[in-house]
Amino acid sequence: MSITLGALIAITDYNADEPFNAIILLFIFGVFLGGIYPSGAWKFSIALAIFIPIINVLSVIIHGRHDLFISQGIGSFIALIPSVISCYIGAWINKFLTIRHAAK
């Protein structure tokens, strides 16, 4: 499921001029997956975000725009940051709600 969502986010990012839609989707899906599977939050964060740099690097190579390799190709690895943050926020929310529910 996370691979499919990651591919969807990468396609959204590839077709957009600004990365805001992809960041919002990364955050929403990251919180969702981190909340459901808190022990594997780091795995899901990588699975969600890894397709963005892969598609951007392939696009730069295929289109022959080697001048954009650093800014759009390698620079797109920054997508891992909101993905990791959101997955761990979801895991923290799960842990907080579990502790709070157990205390009652």
N, C-alpha and C. Protein backbone atom coordinates (compact mmCIF):
# COMPACT_ATOMS: atom_id res chain seq x y z
N MET A 1 0.82 -1.19 0.00
CA MET A 1 0.00 0.00 0.00
C MET A 1 0.87 1.26 0.00
N SER A 2 1.93 1.25 0.78
CA SER A 2 2.76 2.45 0.85
C SER A 2 3.51 2.69 -0.45
N ILE A 3 3.84 1.63 -1.17
CA ILE A 3 4.52 1.80 -2.45
C ILE A 3 3.58 2.44 -3.46
N THR A 4 2.33 2.02 -3.45
CA THR A 4 1.34 2.62 -4.35
C THR A 4 1.12 4.09 -4.01
N LEU A 5 1.01 4.39 -2.74
CA LEU A 5 0.84 5.78 -2.33
C LEU A 5 2.07 6.61 -2.68
N GLY A 6 3.25 6.02 -2.52
CA GLY A 6 4.48 6.73 -2.89
C GLY A 6 4.55 7.02 -4.38
N ALA A 7 4.13 6.06 -5.19
CA ALA A 7 4.10 6.29 -6.64
C ALA A 7 3.09 7.37 -7.00
N LEU A 8 1.95 7.38 -6.33
CA LEU A 8 0.95 8.42 -6.56
C LEU A 8 1.49 9.80 -6.20
N ILE A 9 2.19 9.88 -5.10
CA ILE A 9 2.79 11.16 -4.68
C ILE A 9 3.85 11.61 -5.68
N ALA A 10 4.65 10.67 -6.17
CA ALA A 10 5.70 11.02 -7.13
C ALA A 10 5.10 11.51 -8.44
N ILE A 11 4.03 10.90 -8.89
CA ILE A 11 3.37 11.36 -10.11
C ILE A 11 2.77 12.74 -9.90
N THR A 12 2.21 12.97 -8.73
CA THR A 12 1.67 14.29 -8.41
C THR A 12 2.78 15.33 -8.40
N ASP A 13 3.92 14.98 -7.84
CA ASP A 13 5.04 15.92 -7.78
C ASP A 13 5.62 16.17 -9.17
N TYR A 14 5.67 15.15 -9.99
CA TYR A 14 6.25 15.30 -11.33
C TYR A 14 5.41 16.21 -12.22
N ASN A 15 4.11 16.15 -12.07
CA ASN A 15 3.22 16.93 -12.92
C ASN A 15 2.96 18.34 -12.40
N ALA A 16 3.50 18.69 -11.25
CA ALA A 16 3.23 20.00 -10.65
C ALA A 16 4.46 20.90 -10.75
N ASP A 17 4.19 22.20 -10.77
CA ASP A 17 5.29 23.17 -10.77
C ASP A 17 5.82 23.42 -9.37
N GLU A 18 4.96 23.32 -8.39
CA GLU A 18 5.33 23.54 -7.00
C GLU A 18 5.18 22.24 -6.21
N PRO A 19 5.99 22.04 -5.20
CA PRO A 19 5.95 20.77 -4.46
C PRO A 19 4.92 20.71 -3.34
N PHE A 20 4.08 21.72 -3.21
CA PHE A 20 3.17 21.77 -2.06
C PHE A 20 2.18 20.61 -2.04
N ASN A 21 1.66 20.24 -3.19
CA ASN A 21 0.70 19.12 -3.23
C ASN A 21 1.37 17.82 -2.78
N ALA A 22 2.57 17.60 -3.24
CA ALA A 22 3.28 16.38 -2.85
C ALA A 22 3.61 16.39 -1.36
N ILE A 23 3.97 17.54 -0.82
CA ILE A 23 4.28 17.63 0.60
C ILE A 23 3.04 17.37 1.44
N ILE A 24 1.91 17.91 1.03
CA ILE A 24 0.67 17.68 1.76
C ILE A 24 0.29 16.20 1.72
N LEU A 25 0.42 15.59 0.54
CA LEU A 25 0.12 14.15 0.44
C LEU A 25 1.10 13.32 1.26
N LEU A 26 2.37 13.69 1.24
CA LEU A 26 3.35 12.98 2.07
C LEU A 26 2.97 13.07 3.54
N PHE A 27 2.56 14.25 3.96
CA PHE A 27 2.22 14.43 5.36
C PHE A 27 0.97 13.62 5.74
N ILE A 28 -0.06 13.70 4.92
CA ILE A 28 -1.31 12.99 5.23
C ILE A 28 -1.09 11.48 5.25
N PHE A 29 -0.49 10.96 4.19
CA PHE A 29 -0.27 9.52 4.12
C PHE A 29 0.74 9.06 5.16
N GLY A 30 1.72 9.90 5.46
CA GLY A 30 2.72 9.54 6.47
C GLY A 30 2.12 9.43 7.86
N VAL A 31 1.28 10.39 8.23
CA VAL A 31 0.62 10.32 9.53
C VAL A 31 -0.29 9.10 9.59
N PHE A 32 -0.99 8.84 8.51
CA PHE A 32 -1.89 7.69 8.44
C PHE A 32 -1.12 6.38 8.61
N LEU A 33 -0.07 6.19 7.83
CA LEU A 33 0.69 4.93 7.90
C LEU A 33 1.48 4.82 9.20
N GLY A 34 2.03 5.92 9.68
CA GLY A 34 2.74 5.89 10.95
C GLY A 34 1.83 5.59 12.12
N GLY A 35 0.59 6.04 12.03
CA GLY A 35 -0.37 5.75 13.09
C GLY A 35 -0.84 4.31 13.08
N ILE A 36 -0.96 3.74 11.90
CA ILE A 36 -1.41 2.35 11.81
C ILE A 36 -0.28 1.38 12.15
N TYR A 37 0.91 1.66 11.65
CA TYR A 37 2.07 0.79 11.87
C TYR A 37 3.20 1.56 12.55
N PRO A 38 3.08 1.84 13.84
CA PRO A 38 4.09 2.69 14.48
C PRO A 38 5.47 2.05 14.58
N SER A 39 5.54 0.74 14.62
CA SER A 39 6.86 0.11 14.75
C SER A 39 7.65 0.17 13.44
N GLY A 40 6.99 0.32 12.33
CA GLY A 40 7.68 0.39 11.05
C GLY A 40 7.60 1.75 10.40
N ALA A 41 7.55 2.79 11.21
CA ALA A 41 7.37 4.14 10.68
C ALA A 41 8.50 4.54 9.73
N TRP A 42 9.71 4.15 10.04
CA TRP A 42 10.83 4.55 9.17
C TRP A 42 10.74 3.85 7.82
N LYS A 43 10.25 2.61 7.80
CA LYS A 43 10.12 1.90 6.52
C LYS A 43 9.07 2.56 5.64
N PHE A 44 7.97 2.94 6.24
CA PHE A 44 6.91 3.56 5.46
C PHE A 44 7.29 4.96 5.00
N SER A 45 8.08 5.66 5.79
CA SER A 45 8.51 6.99 5.37
C SER A 45 9.41 6.90 4.14
N ILE A 46 10.27 5.92 4.11
CA ILE A 46 11.13 5.74 2.93
C ILE A 46 10.31 5.27 1.74
N ALA A 47 9.39 4.34 1.96
CA ALA A 47 8.57 3.83 0.86
C ALA A 47 7.69 4.92 0.26
N LEU A 48 7.24 5.85 1.09
CA LEU A 48 6.41 6.94 0.57
C LEU A 48 7.22 7.93 -0.26
N ALA A 49 8.42 8.24 0.18
CA ALA A 49 9.15 9.35 -0.44
C ALA A 49 10.18 8.94 -1.48
N ILE A 50 10.56 7.70 -1.57
CA ILE A 50 11.68 7.32 -2.43
C ILE A 50 11.36 7.47 -3.92
N PHE A 51 10.09 7.40 -4.27
CA PHE A 51 9.75 7.50 -5.69
C PHE A 51 9.92 8.92 -6.23
N ILE A 52 9.84 9.91 -5.38
CA ILE A 52 10.00 11.30 -5.85
C ILE A 52 11.40 11.51 -6.41
N PRO A 53 12.48 11.18 -5.69
CA PRO A 53 13.80 11.36 -6.30
C PRO A 53 14.05 10.42 -7.47
N ILE A 54 13.52 9.22 -7.41
CA ILE A 54 13.74 8.28 -8.52
C ILE A 54 13.15 8.84 -9.80
N ILE A 55 11.91 9.30 -9.75
CA ILE A 55 11.27 9.84 -10.95
C ILE A 55 11.95 11.12 -11.41
N ASN A 56 12.35 11.97 -10.48
CA ASN A 56 13.02 13.21 -10.88
C ASN A 56 14.39 12.95 -11.50
N VAL A 57 15.15 12.03 -10.95
CA VAL A 57 16.46 11.70 -11.53
C VAL A 57 16.28 11.08 -12.91
N LEU A 58 15.34 10.17 -13.04
CA LEU A 58 15.09 9.56 -14.35
C LEU A 58 14.62 10.60 -15.37
N SER A 59 13.81 11.53 -14.94
CA SER A 59 13.34 12.58 -15.84
C SER A 59 14.49 13.46 -16.32
N VAL A 60 15.38 13.81 -15.42
CA VAL A 60 16.54 14.63 -15.79
C VAL A 60 17.43 13.87 -16.78
N ILE A 61 17.63 12.59 -16.53
CA ILE A 61 18.49 11.79 -17.41
C ILE A 61 17.84 11.58 -18.77
N ILE A 62 16.56 11.23 -18.78
CA ILE A 62 15.87 10.94 -20.03
C ILE A 62 15.76 12.18 -20.91
N HIS A 63 15.46 13.32 -20.31
CA HIS A 63 15.30 14.55 -21.09
C HIS A 63 16.64 15.22 -21.40
N GLY A 64 17.72 14.70 -20.87
CA GLY A 64 19.03 15.24 -21.17
C GLY A 64 19.31 16.59 -20.53
N ARG A 65 18.62 16.92 -19.48
CA ARG A 65 18.82 18.20 -18.79
C ARG A 65 19.80 18.01 -17.64
N HIS A 66 21.04 17.74 -17.98
CA HIS A 66 22.05 17.44 -16.97
C HIS A 66 22.39 18.64 -16.11
N ASP A 67 22.04 19.84 -16.57
CA ASP A 67 22.27 21.03 -15.75
C ASP A 67 21.32 21.07 -14.55
N LEU A 68 20.22 20.33 -14.62
CA LEU A 68 19.25 20.29 -13.52
C LEU A 68 19.45 19.09 -12.60
N PHE A 69 20.52 18.34 -12.81
CA PHE A 69 20.71 17.11 -12.05
C PHE A 69 20.81 17.36 -10.55
N ILE A 70 21.53 18.38 -10.15
CA ILE A 70 21.70 18.65 -8.72
C ILE A 70 20.42 19.25 -8.14
N SER A 71 19.85 20.24 -8.80
CA SER A 71 18.71 20.95 -8.20
C SER A 71 17.43 20.11 -8.21
N GLN A 72 17.15 19.43 -9.29
CA GLN A 72 15.90 18.66 -9.35
C GLN A 72 16.12 17.17 -9.10
N GLY A 73 17.25 16.65 -9.47
CA GLY A 73 17.49 15.23 -9.27
C GLY A 73 17.87 14.91 -7.84
N ILE A 74 19.05 15.34 -7.46
CA ILE A 74 19.54 15.07 -6.11
C ILE A 74 18.79 15.90 -5.07
N GLY A 75 18.40 17.10 -5.45
CA GLY A 75 17.67 17.97 -4.53
C GLY A 75 16.32 17.42 -4.11
N SER A 76 15.77 16.51 -4.89
CA SER A 76 14.46 15.96 -4.54
C SER A 76 14.53 14.94 -3.41
N PHE A 77 15.73 14.56 -2.99
CA PHE A 77 15.85 13.68 -1.82
C PHE A 77 15.39 14.37 -0.54
N ILE A 78 15.21 15.68 -0.62
CA ILE A 78 14.70 16.41 0.54
C ILE A 78 13.27 15.99 0.87
N ALA A 79 12.61 15.30 -0.04
CA ALA A 79 11.25 14.80 0.21
C ALA A 79 11.23 13.78 1.34
N LEU A 80 12.37 13.21 1.66
CA LEU A 80 12.42 12.25 2.76
C LEU A 80 12.16 12.93 4.11
N ILE A 81 12.48 14.20 4.22
CA ILE A 81 12.33 14.90 5.50
C ILE A 81 10.87 14.99 5.94
N PRO A 82 9.95 15.54 5.12
CA PRO A 82 8.56 15.58 5.60
C PRO A 82 7.94 14.19 5.75
N SER A 83 8.43 13.25 4.97
CA SER A 83 7.91 11.90 5.08
C SER A 83 8.28 11.27 6.42
N VAL A 84 9.53 11.40 6.81
CA VAL A 84 9.98 10.84 8.09
C VAL A 84 9.28 11.54 9.25
N ILE A 85 9.20 12.85 9.17
CA ILE A 85 8.55 13.61 10.25
C ILE A 85 7.09 13.20 10.40
N SER A 86 6.38 13.10 9.29
CA SER A 86 4.95 12.78 9.38
C SER A 86 4.71 11.35 9.84
N CYS A 87 5.53 10.42 9.42
CA CYS A 87 5.35 9.03 9.88
C CYS A 87 5.59 8.93 11.38
N TYR A 88 6.58 9.64 11.88
CA TYR A 88 6.83 9.57 13.32
C TYR A 88 5.81 10.37 14.11
N ILE A 89 5.21 11.38 13.52
CA ILE A 89 4.09 12.06 14.18
C ILE A 89 2.92 11.09 14.32
N GLY A 90 2.65 10.34 13.26
CA GLY A 90 1.58 9.34 13.33
C GLY A 90 1.87 8.27 14.37
N ALA A 91 3.12 7.83 14.45
CA ALA A 91 3.49 6.83 15.46
C ALA A 91 3.35 7.41 16.86
N TRP A 92 3.73 8.67 17.03
CA TRP A 92 3.60 9.31 18.34
C TRP A 92 2.12 9.46 18.73
N ILE A 93 1.29 9.83 17.77
CA ILE A 93 -0.15 9.96 18.05
C ILE A 93 -0.71 8.60 18.47
N ASN A 94 -0.31 7.55 17.78
CA ASN A 94 -0.77 6.21 18.14
C ASN A 94 -0.33 5.86 19.56
N LYS A 95 0.92 6.13 19.87
CA LYS A 95 1.43 5.82 21.21
C LYS A 95 0.72 6.65 22.27
N PHE A 96 0.50 7.92 22.00
CA PHE A 96 -0.18 8.80 22.95
C PHE A 96 -1.61 8.33 23.20
N LEU A 97 -2.32 7.99 22.13
CA LEU A 97 -3.70 7.54 22.30
C LEU A 97 -3.77 6.18 22.98
N THR A 98 -2.80 5.32 22.73
CA THR A 98 -2.77 4.01 23.37
C THR A 98 -2.51 4.15 24.86
N ILE A 99 -1.57 4.99 25.24
CA ILE A 99 -1.27 5.21 26.66
C ILE A 99 -2.46 5.86 27.35
N ARG A 100 -3.05 6.82 26.70
CA ARG A 100 -4.19 7.52 27.29
C ARG A 100 -5.38 6.59 27.46
N HIS A 101 -5.60 5.72 26.48
CA HIS A 101 -6.70 4.77 26.55
C HIS A 101 -6.45 3.73 27.64
N ALA A 102 -5.21 3.31 27.79
CA ALA A 102 -4.87 2.31 28.80
C ALA A 102 -4.98 2.88 30.21
N ALA A 103 -4.81 4.19 30.35
CA ALA A 103 -4.86 4.81 31.67
C ALA A 103 -6.29 4.90 32.22
N LYS A 104 -7.27 4.84 31.35
CA LYS A 104 -8.66 4.96 31.81
C LYS A 104 -9.16 3.71 32.39
